[in-house]
């Protein structure tokens, strides 16, 4: 197995974990009490998920460089 496939697997796993935290945080915010304080962890989870989306291109740059080397 090439390093590319390990990077791709780690990338997809991190996306799945982040999306799981995002969904769980949104569900926690929706079903929590009307007090706005319990919704604050979900805001952090949403920010983390969108930051992961923002830096997604770094993974693809690394993967494309690995492909261009002929692996």
N, C-alpha and C. Protein backbone atom coordinates (compact mmCIF):
# COMPACT_ATOMS: atom_id res chain seq x y z
N UNK A 1 0.85 -1.20 0.00
CA UNK A 1 0.00 0.00 0.00
C UNK A 1 0.88 1.25 0.00
N UNK A 2 0.53 2.15 -0.85
CA UNK A 2 1.30 3.39 -0.97
C UNK A 2 0.93 4.37 0.13
N UNK A 3 1.80 5.31 0.32
CA UNK A 3 1.53 6.38 1.30
C UNK A 3 0.30 7.18 0.92
N UNK A 4 0.02 7.26 -0.36
CA UNK A 4 -1.16 8.00 -0.83
C UNK A 4 -2.44 7.42 -0.26
N UNK A 5 -2.55 6.10 -0.26
CA UNK A 5 -3.77 5.48 0.23
C UNK A 5 -3.92 5.66 1.73
N UNK A 6 -2.81 5.63 2.47
CA UNK A 6 -2.90 5.89 3.90
C UNK A 6 -3.32 7.32 4.17
N UNK A 7 -2.79 8.27 3.39
CA UNK A 7 -3.20 9.66 3.56
C UNK A 7 -4.68 9.84 3.21
N UNK A 8 -5.12 9.19 2.16
CA UNK A 8 -6.51 9.30 1.76
C UNK A 8 -7.43 8.68 2.82
N UNK A 9 -7.03 7.54 3.37
CA UNK A 9 -7.84 6.90 4.41
C UNK A 9 -7.89 7.78 5.67
N UNK A 10 -6.76 8.35 6.06
CA UNK A 10 -6.75 9.22 7.24
C UNK A 10 -7.59 10.47 6.99
N UNK A 11 -7.53 10.99 5.77
CA UNK A 11 -8.32 12.17 5.42
C UNK A 11 -9.81 11.87 5.50
N UNK A 12 -10.23 10.75 4.90
CA UNK A 12 -11.65 10.42 4.92
C UNK A 12 -12.14 10.10 6.32
N UNK A 13 -11.30 9.46 7.13
CA UNK A 13 -11.67 9.17 8.51
C UNK A 13 -11.83 10.46 9.30
N UNK A 14 -10.92 11.41 9.10
CA UNK A 14 -11.04 12.68 9.82
C UNK A 14 -12.28 13.44 9.38
N UNK A 15 -12.63 13.36 8.09
CA UNK A 15 -13.85 14.01 7.62
C UNK A 15 -15.08 13.36 8.26
N UNK A 16 -15.08 12.03 8.33
CA UNK A 16 -16.23 11.35 8.92
C UNK A 16 -16.37 11.67 10.40
N UNK A 17 -15.25 11.70 11.12
CA UNK A 17 -15.30 12.02 12.55
C UNK A 17 -15.77 13.46 12.76
N UNK A 18 -15.24 14.38 11.95
CA UNK A 18 -15.64 15.78 12.09
C UNK A 18 -17.11 15.97 11.76
N UNK A 19 -17.59 15.26 10.74
CA UNK A 19 -19.00 15.39 10.39
C UNK A 19 -19.88 14.79 11.47
N UNK A 20 -19.41 13.70 12.08
CA UNK A 20 -20.15 13.12 13.20
C UNK A 20 -20.26 14.07 14.37
N UNK A 21 -19.16 14.72 14.71
CA UNK A 21 -19.19 15.72 15.78
C UNK A 21 -20.09 16.89 15.40
N UNK A 22 -20.08 17.27 14.13
CA UNK A 22 -20.91 18.38 13.67
C UNK A 22 -22.39 18.04 13.83
N UNK A 23 -22.78 16.83 13.38
CA UNK A 23 -24.18 16.42 13.47
C UNK A 23 -24.59 16.28 14.93
N UNK A 24 -23.71 15.69 15.73
CA UNK A 24 -24.02 15.51 17.15
C UNK A 24 -24.15 16.85 17.85
N UNK A 25 -23.29 17.80 17.49
CA UNK A 25 -23.39 19.13 18.09
C UNK A 25 -24.66 19.85 17.68
N UNK A 26 -25.06 19.71 16.42
CA UNK A 26 -26.31 20.34 15.98
C UNK A 26 -27.50 19.69 16.67
N UNK A 27 -27.47 18.37 16.82
CA UNK A 27 -28.57 17.69 17.49
C UNK A 27 -28.63 18.10 18.96
N UNK A 28 -27.46 18.26 19.57
CA UNK A 28 -27.40 18.70 20.96
C UNK A 28 -27.95 20.12 21.09
N UNK A 29 -27.65 20.98 20.11
CA UNK A 29 -28.15 22.36 20.17
C UNK A 29 -29.65 22.41 19.97
N UNK A 30 -30.17 21.53 19.10
CA UNK A 30 -31.61 21.56 18.81
C UNK A 30 -32.40 21.02 20.00
N UNK A 31 -31.93 19.91 20.59
CA UNK A 31 -32.72 19.26 21.64
C UNK A 31 -32.34 19.71 23.04
N UNK A 32 -31.44 20.68 23.16
CA UNK A 32 -31.09 21.14 24.50
C UNK A 32 -32.15 22.11 25.01
N UNK A 33 -31.95 22.59 26.22
CA UNK A 33 -32.91 23.49 26.84
C UNK A 33 -32.89 24.85 26.12
N UNK A 34 -33.91 25.67 26.32
CA UNK A 34 -33.94 26.98 25.66
C UNK A 34 -32.83 27.93 26.10
N UNK A 35 -32.15 27.60 27.19
CA UNK A 35 -31.03 28.42 27.64
C UNK A 35 -29.93 28.40 26.56
N UNK A 36 -29.43 29.55 26.11
CA UNK A 36 -28.44 29.53 25.02
C UNK A 36 -27.06 29.01 25.43
N UNK A 37 -26.81 28.86 26.73
CA UNK A 37 -25.49 28.41 27.17
C UNK A 37 -25.15 26.98 26.73
N UNK A 38 -26.06 25.99 26.79
CA UNK A 38 -25.66 24.64 26.36
C UNK A 38 -25.36 24.53 24.87
N UNK A 39 -25.75 25.52 24.08
CA UNK A 39 -25.51 25.43 22.64
C UNK A 39 -24.10 25.85 22.26
N UNK A 40 -23.31 26.34 23.22
CA UNK A 40 -21.98 26.83 22.87
C UNK A 40 -21.02 25.74 22.39
N UNK A 41 -21.05 24.50 22.91
CA UNK A 41 -20.14 23.49 22.34
C UNK A 41 -20.42 23.20 20.88
N UNK A 42 -21.69 23.25 20.47
CA UNK A 42 -22.00 22.96 19.07
C UNK A 42 -21.44 24.04 18.15
N UNK A 43 -21.35 25.28 18.65
CA UNK A 43 -20.76 26.34 17.83
C UNK A 43 -19.28 26.03 17.58
N UNK A 44 -18.59 25.56 18.62
CA UNK A 44 -17.18 25.19 18.45
C UNK A 44 -17.04 24.02 17.49
N UNK A 45 -17.97 23.06 17.57
CA UNK A 45 -17.92 21.91 16.67
C UNK A 45 -18.14 22.35 15.23
N UNK A 46 -19.09 23.27 15.01
CA UNK A 46 -19.34 23.78 13.66
C UNK A 46 -18.11 24.51 13.13
N UNK A 47 -17.48 25.31 13.98
CA UNK A 47 -16.27 26.02 13.55
C UNK A 47 -15.17 25.03 13.18
N UNK A 48 -15.02 23.98 13.98
CA UNK A 48 -14.01 22.97 13.67
C UNK A 48 -14.28 22.27 12.35
N UNK A 49 -15.56 21.98 12.10
CA UNK A 49 -15.90 21.31 10.85
C UNK A 49 -15.63 22.21 9.65
N UNK A 50 -15.99 23.48 9.76
CA UNK A 50 -15.77 24.38 8.63
C UNK A 50 -14.30 24.70 8.44
N UNK A 51 -13.51 24.71 9.53
CA UNK A 51 -12.06 24.86 9.37
C UNK A 51 -11.47 23.66 8.65
N UNK A 52 -12.01 22.47 8.94
CA UNK A 52 -11.54 21.28 8.24
C UNK A 52 -11.87 21.38 6.75
N UNK A 53 -13.06 21.91 6.42
CA UNK A 53 -13.40 22.12 5.02
C UNK A 53 -12.45 23.13 4.38
N UNK A 54 -12.05 24.14 5.15
CA UNK A 54 -11.22 25.22 4.60
C UNK A 54 -9.84 24.70 4.24
N UNK A 55 -9.26 23.82 5.06
CA UNK A 55 -7.90 23.33 4.83
C UNK A 55 -7.88 21.99 4.10
N UNK A 56 -8.99 21.67 3.46
CA UNK A 56 -9.09 20.41 2.73
C UNK A 56 -8.11 20.36 1.57
N UNK A 57 -7.81 21.50 0.97
CA UNK A 57 -6.95 21.53 -0.22
C UNK A 57 -5.53 21.08 0.12
N UNK A 58 -5.11 21.20 1.38
CA UNK A 58 -3.76 20.78 1.75
C UNK A 58 -3.62 19.27 1.55
N UNK A 59 -4.66 18.51 1.91
CA UNK A 59 -4.61 17.06 1.71
C UNK A 59 -4.49 16.73 0.23
N UNK A 60 -5.25 17.44 -0.60
CA UNK A 60 -5.23 17.12 -2.02
C UNK A 60 -3.91 17.54 -2.67
N UNK A 61 -3.29 18.60 -2.17
CA UNK A 61 -1.97 18.97 -2.69
C UNK A 61 -0.97 17.85 -2.39
N UNK A 62 -1.01 17.32 -1.17
CA UNK A 62 -0.10 16.24 -0.79
C UNK A 62 -0.37 15.00 -1.62
N UNK A 63 -1.65 14.66 -1.81
CA UNK A 63 -2.00 13.45 -2.56
C UNK A 63 -1.61 13.61 -4.03
N UNK A 64 -1.87 14.78 -4.60
CA UNK A 64 -1.52 14.99 -6.01
C UNK A 64 -0.01 14.96 -6.22
N UNK A 65 0.75 15.46 -5.27
CA UNK A 65 2.20 15.42 -5.39
C UNK A 65 2.67 13.96 -5.35
N UNK A 66 2.01 13.15 -4.52
CA UNK A 66 2.38 11.75 -4.45
C UNK A 66 2.05 11.04 -5.77
N UNK A 67 0.91 11.37 -6.36
CA UNK A 67 0.55 10.77 -7.64
C UNK A 67 1.51 11.21 -8.74
N UNK A 68 1.96 12.45 -8.70
CA UNK A 68 2.84 12.94 -9.76
C UNK A 68 4.22 12.28 -9.71
N UNK A 69 4.57 11.70 -8.54
CA UNK A 69 5.84 10.99 -8.45
C UNK A 69 5.75 9.58 -9.03
N UNK A 70 4.57 9.16 -9.42
CA UNK A 70 4.41 7.86 -10.06
C UNK A 70 4.02 6.75 -9.12
N UNK A 71 3.59 7.06 -7.90
CA UNK A 71 3.20 6.01 -6.95
C UNK A 71 1.76 5.59 -7.20
